[in-house]
Amino acid sequence: LAARHTWRQLSSSQQEPISASILIEAARNIYQAEPLVSSVEYISVSDFDSMIDLEFVPAASSSSFRTFSTGICDDDNSFLSLPRSIISVALRIGQVRLIDNLPLRE
């Protein structure tokens, strides 16, 4: 939820894509500060359909998703569109491994 909250906060002030690393860092900081969490195994921001890791996700307020996805353009020099995104987390609370996935787009 920390990454989703950060995504919504950043989205309220901009329409440009948001770096996935910012969202991952926000989530990691929250989990590492939680005394019950013994370890964070992974946090990723991925394409909702393919589960391929993303570098950027669209802002929630963005009406157009025609923008950079990986920082490259296609053959006719138009921007590549950003896919729907999902945050995936695996962490341990004691010996219990918890896995969760949370879509960014409603």
N, C-alpha and C. Protein backbone atom coordinates (compact mmCIF):
# COMPACT_ATOMS: atom_id res chain seq x y z
N LEU A 1 0.81 -1.19 0.00
CA LEU A 1 0.00 0.00 0.00
C LEU A 1 0.85 1.26 0.00
N ALA A 2 2.06 1.19 0.54
CA ALA A 2 2.93 2.36 0.57
C ALA A 2 3.27 2.82 -0.84
N ALA A 3 3.57 1.89 -1.72
CA ALA A 3 3.90 2.25 -3.10
C ALA A 3 2.68 2.82 -3.82
N ARG A 4 1.52 2.23 -3.58
CA ARG A 4 0.30 2.73 -4.21
C ARG A 4 -0.02 4.14 -3.70
N HIS A 5 0.16 4.37 -2.41
CA HIS A 5 -0.07 5.69 -1.83
C HIS A 5 0.90 6.72 -2.45
N THR A 6 2.17 6.35 -2.58
CA THR A 6 3.16 7.23 -3.18
C THR A 6 2.79 7.53 -4.63
N TRP A 7 2.36 6.51 -5.37
CA TRP A 7 1.94 6.68 -6.77
C TRP A 7 0.80 7.69 -6.86
N ARG A 8 -0.19 7.57 -5.97
CA ARG A 8 -1.31 8.50 -5.99
C ARG A 8 -0.88 9.92 -5.61
N GLN A 9 0.00 10.05 -4.63
CA GLN A 9 0.49 11.37 -4.23
C GLN A 9 1.24 12.04 -5.38
N LEU A 10 2.16 11.32 -6.00
CA LEU A 10 2.92 11.87 -7.11
C LEU A 10 2.02 12.17 -8.30
N SER A 11 1.02 11.34 -8.53
CA SER A 11 0.10 11.52 -9.64
C SER A 11 -0.74 12.78 -9.49
N SER A 12 -1.00 13.17 -8.26
CA SER A 12 -1.84 14.35 -8.05
C SER A 12 -1.14 15.64 -8.47
N SER A 13 0.20 15.60 -8.56
CA SER A 13 0.94 16.80 -8.90
C SER A 13 1.60 16.74 -10.28
N GLN A 14 1.44 15.66 -11.00
CA GLN A 14 2.07 15.54 -12.31
C GLN A 14 1.32 14.58 -13.20
N GLN A 15 1.56 14.69 -14.51
CA GLN A 15 0.96 13.75 -15.45
C GLN A 15 2.01 12.90 -16.14
N GLU A 16 3.29 13.20 -15.88
CA GLU A 16 4.37 12.42 -16.47
C GLU A 16 4.44 11.05 -15.80
N PRO A 17 5.02 10.09 -16.49
CA PRO A 17 5.22 8.77 -15.88
C PRO A 17 6.05 8.86 -14.61
N ILE A 18 5.81 7.94 -13.71
CA ILE A 18 6.50 7.90 -12.42
C ILE A 18 7.48 6.73 -12.43
N SER A 19 8.67 6.98 -11.97
CA SER A 19 9.70 5.95 -11.93
C SER A 19 9.27 4.82 -10.98
N ALA A 20 9.36 3.60 -11.46
CA ALA A 20 9.03 2.44 -10.63
C ALA A 20 9.98 2.36 -9.43
N SER A 21 11.21 2.81 -9.59
CA SER A 21 12.17 2.73 -8.48
C SER A 21 11.74 3.61 -7.30
N ILE A 22 11.06 4.72 -7.57
CA ILE A 22 10.55 5.57 -6.48
C ILE A 22 9.48 4.82 -5.68
N LEU A 23 8.61 4.12 -6.39
CA LEU A 23 7.55 3.35 -5.72
C LEU A 23 8.13 2.19 -4.92
N ILE A 24 9.10 1.52 -5.50
CA ILE A 24 9.73 0.39 -4.82
C ILE A 24 10.46 0.87 -3.55
N GLU A 25 11.16 1.99 -3.66
CA GLU A 25 11.87 2.53 -2.50
C GLU A 25 10.90 2.93 -1.39
N ALA A 26 9.78 3.53 -1.76
CA ALA A 26 8.78 3.94 -0.75
C ALA A 26 8.25 2.71 -0.01
N ALA A 27 7.93 1.66 -0.74
CA ALA A 27 7.43 0.44 -0.11
C ALA A 27 8.50 -0.20 0.77
N ARG A 28 9.72 -0.29 0.25
CA ARG A 28 10.82 -0.90 1.01
C ARG A 28 11.06 -0.15 2.32
N ASN A 29 11.03 1.18 2.29
CA ASN A 29 11.24 1.98 3.51
C ASN A 29 10.17 1.69 4.55
N ILE A 30 8.94 1.57 4.13
CA ILE A 30 7.85 1.27 5.07
C ILE A 30 8.03 -0.12 5.67
N TYR A 31 8.30 -1.11 4.83
CA TYR A 31 8.44 -2.49 5.34
C TYR A 31 9.65 -2.64 6.25
N GLN A 32 10.77 -2.00 5.90
CA GLN A 32 11.97 -2.12 6.73
C GLN A 32 11.81 -1.42 8.08
N ALA A 33 10.93 -0.45 8.15
CA ALA A 33 10.68 0.24 9.42
C ALA A 33 9.71 -0.54 10.30
N GLU A 34 9.03 -1.51 9.74
CA GLU A 34 8.05 -2.32 10.49
C GLU A 34 8.79 -3.40 11.29
N PRO A 35 8.71 -3.37 12.62
CA PRO A 35 9.47 -4.33 13.43
C PRO A 35 9.07 -5.79 13.22
N LEU A 36 7.84 -6.05 12.80
CA LEU A 36 7.42 -7.44 12.59
C LEU A 36 7.97 -8.05 11.31
N VAL A 37 8.39 -7.21 10.35
CA VAL A 37 8.92 -7.71 9.08
C VAL A 37 10.38 -8.09 9.28
N SER A 38 10.65 -9.39 9.13
CA SER A 38 12.02 -9.86 9.33
C SER A 38 12.87 -9.70 8.07
N SER A 39 12.26 -9.75 6.89
CA SER A 39 13.01 -9.52 5.65
C SER A 39 12.05 -9.20 4.51
N VAL A 40 12.55 -8.39 3.58
CA VAL A 40 11.82 -8.10 2.34
C VAL A 40 12.53 -8.87 1.25
N GLU A 41 11.84 -9.84 0.65
CA GLU A 41 12.47 -10.66 -0.37
C GLU A 41 12.47 -9.97 -1.73
N TYR A 42 11.35 -9.39 -2.11
CA TYR A 42 11.33 -8.60 -3.34
C TYR A 42 10.13 -7.67 -3.37
N ILE A 43 10.30 -6.60 -4.11
CA ILE A 43 9.24 -5.66 -4.45
C ILE A 43 9.45 -5.34 -5.92
N SER A 44 8.41 -5.50 -6.72
CA SER A 44 8.55 -5.19 -8.14
C SER A 44 7.32 -4.43 -8.64
N VAL A 45 7.54 -3.66 -9.67
CA VAL A 45 6.46 -2.99 -10.39
C VAL A 45 6.50 -3.57 -11.80
N SER A 46 5.41 -4.22 -12.20
CA SER A 46 5.41 -4.98 -13.44
C SER A 46 4.20 -4.67 -14.30
N ASP A 47 4.30 -5.10 -15.55
CA ASP A 47 3.16 -5.05 -16.46
C ASP A 47 2.09 -6.00 -15.92
N PHE A 48 0.86 -5.54 -15.87
CA PHE A 48 -0.24 -6.32 -15.29
C PHE A 48 -0.44 -7.65 -16.02
N ASP A 49 -0.28 -7.66 -17.34
CA ASP A 49 -0.57 -8.86 -18.13
C ASP A 49 0.62 -9.80 -18.28
N SER A 50 1.81 -9.24 -18.53
CA SER A 50 2.97 -10.09 -18.80
C SER A 50 3.86 -10.31 -17.58
N MET A 51 3.70 -9.45 -16.54
CA MET A 51 4.53 -9.48 -15.34
C MET A 51 6.00 -9.14 -15.62
N ILE A 52 6.25 -8.48 -16.74
CA ILE A 52 7.60 -7.98 -17.04
C ILE A 52 7.82 -6.70 -16.23
N ASP A 53 8.98 -6.60 -15.57
CA ASP A 53 9.28 -5.42 -14.77
C ASP A 53 9.25 -4.15 -15.62
N LEU A 54 8.74 -3.08 -15.02
CA LEU A 54 8.63 -1.79 -15.69
C LEU A 54 9.60 -0.78 -15.09
N GLU A 55 10.04 0.17 -15.90
CA GLU A 55 10.86 1.28 -15.42
C GLU A 55 9.98 2.46 -15.01
N PHE A 56 8.84 2.63 -15.68
CA PHE A 56 7.94 3.74 -15.42
C PHE A 56 6.50 3.26 -15.42
N VAL A 57 5.66 3.96 -14.67
CA VAL A 57 4.21 3.70 -14.67
C VAL A 57 3.50 5.02 -14.93
N PRO A 58 2.33 4.97 -15.58
CA PRO A 58 1.61 6.22 -15.85
C PRO A 58 1.08 6.83 -14.56
N ALA A 59 1.02 8.15 -14.55
CA ALA A 59 0.42 8.85 -13.41
C ALA A 59 -1.08 8.56 -13.40
N ALA A 60 -1.65 8.51 -12.22
CA ALA A 60 -3.08 8.22 -12.09
C ALA A 60 -3.94 9.25 -12.79
N SER A 61 -3.48 10.50 -12.83
CA SER A 61 -4.27 11.57 -13.42
C SER A 61 -4.05 11.71 -14.92
N SER A 62 -3.15 10.91 -15.47
CA SER A 62 -2.84 11.01 -16.89
C SER A 62 -4.00 10.52 -17.74
N SER A 63 -4.46 11.37 -18.67
CA SER A 63 -5.54 10.96 -19.56
C SER A 63 -5.01 10.27 -20.80
N SER A 64 -3.73 10.44 -21.06
CA SER A 64 -3.12 9.81 -22.22
C SER A 64 -1.94 8.98 -21.77
N PHE A 65 -1.86 7.77 -22.27
CA PHE A 65 -0.75 6.89 -21.91
C PHE A 65 0.27 6.82 -23.04
N ARG A 66 0.20 7.76 -23.98
CA ARG A 66 1.16 7.79 -25.08
C ARG A 66 2.41 8.55 -24.62
N THR A 67 3.32 7.84 -24.03
CA THR A 67 4.52 8.47 -23.48
C THR A 67 5.63 7.43 -23.39
N PHE A 68 6.78 7.82 -22.86
CA PHE A 68 7.89 6.87 -22.76
C PHE A 68 7.57 5.69 -21.86
N SER A 69 7.98 4.51 -22.27
CA SER A 69 7.88 3.36 -21.36
C SER A 69 9.28 2.97 -20.90
N THR A 70 10.18 2.72 -21.81
CA THR A 70 11.54 2.37 -21.41
C THR A 70 12.55 3.40 -21.87
N GLY A 71 12.08 4.55 -22.32
CA GLY A 71 12.98 5.59 -22.77
C GLY A 71 13.34 5.49 -24.23
N ILE A 72 12.62 4.68 -25.00
CA ILE A 72 12.89 4.56 -26.43
C ILE A 72 11.62 4.84 -27.21
N CYS A 73 11.78 5.14 -28.48
CA CYS A 73 10.64 5.38 -29.36
C CYS A 73 10.55 4.23 -30.36
N ASP A 74 9.35 4.05 -30.94
CA ASP A 74 9.22 3.01 -31.95
C ASP A 74 9.72 3.55 -33.30
N ASP A 75 9.59 2.76 -34.38
CA ASP A 75 10.19 3.09 -35.67
C ASP A 75 9.73 4.42 -36.26
N ASP A 76 8.47 4.80 -36.07
CA ASP A 76 7.99 6.06 -36.65
C ASP A 76 8.18 7.23 -35.69
N ASN A 77 9.04 7.06 -34.66
CA ASN A 77 9.41 8.09 -33.69
C ASN A 77 8.25 8.52 -32.80
N SER A 78 7.22 7.69 -32.70
CA SER A 78 6.14 8.00 -31.75
C SER A 78 6.46 7.30 -30.44
N PHE A 79 5.94 7.85 -29.37
CA PHE A 79 6.22 7.29 -28.05
C PHE A 79 5.52 5.96 -27.86
N LEU A 80 6.12 5.10 -27.08
CA LEU A 80 5.52 3.83 -26.74
C LEU A 80 4.55 4.04 -25.58
N SER A 81 3.46 3.30 -25.55
CA SER A 81 2.48 3.51 -24.49
C SER A 81 2.83 2.70 -23.25
N LEU A 82 2.42 3.22 -22.12
CA LEU A 82 2.68 2.56 -20.85
C LEU A 82 1.57 1.57 -20.53
N PRO A 83 1.91 0.40 -20.07
CA PRO A 83 0.91 -0.62 -19.75
C PRO A 83 0.30 -0.43 -18.37
N ARG A 84 -0.75 -1.20 -18.11
CA ARG A 84 -1.29 -1.26 -16.75
C ARG A 84 -0.22 -1.86 -15.86
N SER A 85 -0.23 -1.46 -14.59
CA SER A 85 0.86 -1.84 -13.70
C SER A 85 0.35 -2.56 -12.46
N ILE A 86 1.23 -3.39 -11.90
CA ILE A 86 0.92 -4.10 -10.67
C ILE A 86 2.18 -4.13 -9.79
N ILE A 87 1.98 -3.94 -8.51
CA ILE A 87 3.08 -4.03 -7.55
C ILE A 87 3.02 -5.40 -6.89
N SER A 88 4.15 -6.09 -6.86
CA SER A 88 4.24 -7.41 -6.24
C SER A 88 5.25 -7.35 -5.10
N VAL A 89 4.90 -7.98 -4.00
CA VAL A 89 5.75 -7.95 -2.80
C VAL A 89 5.82 -9.35 -2.20
N ALA A 90 7.01 -9.73 -1.78
CA ALA A 90 7.20 -10.92 -0.96
C ALA A 90 8.06 -10.52 0.23
N LEU A 91 7.57 -10.83 1.42
CA LEU A 91 8.32 -10.51 2.63
C LEU A 91 8.06 -11.57 3.69
N ARG A 92 8.85 -11.52 4.72
CA ARG A 92 8.70 -12.48 5.82
C ARG A 92 8.38 -11.77 7.11
N ILE A 93 7.42 -12.31 7.80
CA ILE A 93 7.11 -11.92 9.17
C ILE A 93 7.42 -13.15 10.00
N GLY A 94 8.56 -13.10 10.67
CA GLY A 94 9.05 -14.31 11.34
C GLY A 94 9.38 -15.36 10.28
N GLN A 95 8.81 -16.55 10.43
CA GLN A 95 9.04 -17.63 9.47
C GLN A 95 7.99 -17.67 8.37
N VAL A 96 6.98 -16.82 8.46
CA VAL A 96 5.88 -16.84 7.50
C VAL A 96 6.22 -15.94 6.31
N ARG A 97 6.10 -16.51 5.10
CA ARG A 97 6.34 -15.75 3.87
C ARG A 97 5.00 -15.24 3.34
N LEU A 98 4.91 -13.94 3.17
CA LEU A 98 3.70 -13.31 2.64
C LEU A 98 3.96 -12.79 1.24
N ILE A 99 3.03 -13.05 0.34
CA ILE A 99 3.12 -12.57 -1.04
C ILE A 99 1.84 -11.82 -1.35
N ASP A 100 1.98 -10.65 -1.97
CA ASP A 100 0.79 -9.88 -2.33
C ASP A 100 1.03 -9.15 -3.63
N ASN A 101 -0.05 -8.93 -4.37
CA ASN A 101 -0.03 -8.20 -5.62
C ASN A 101 -1.14 -7.16 -5.56
N LEU A 102 -0.80 -5.93 -5.98
CA LEU A 102 -1.78 -4.84 -5.91
C LEU A 102 -1.74 -4.05 -7.21
N PRO A 103 -2.84 -4.07 -7.99
CA PRO A 103 -2.87 -3.26 -9.21
C PRO A 103 -2.82 -1.78 -8.87
N LEU A 104 -2.12 -1.00 -9.70
CA LEU A 104 -2.09 0.44 -9.50
C LEU A 104 -3.32 1.11 -10.08
N ARG A 105 -3.77 0.65 -11.21
CA ARG A 105 -4.95 1.24 -11.83
C ARG A 105 -6.21 0.56 -11.33
N GLU A 106 -7.23 1.37 -11.05
CA GLU A 106 -8.50 0.82 -10.63
C GLU A 106 -9.25 0.26 -11.82
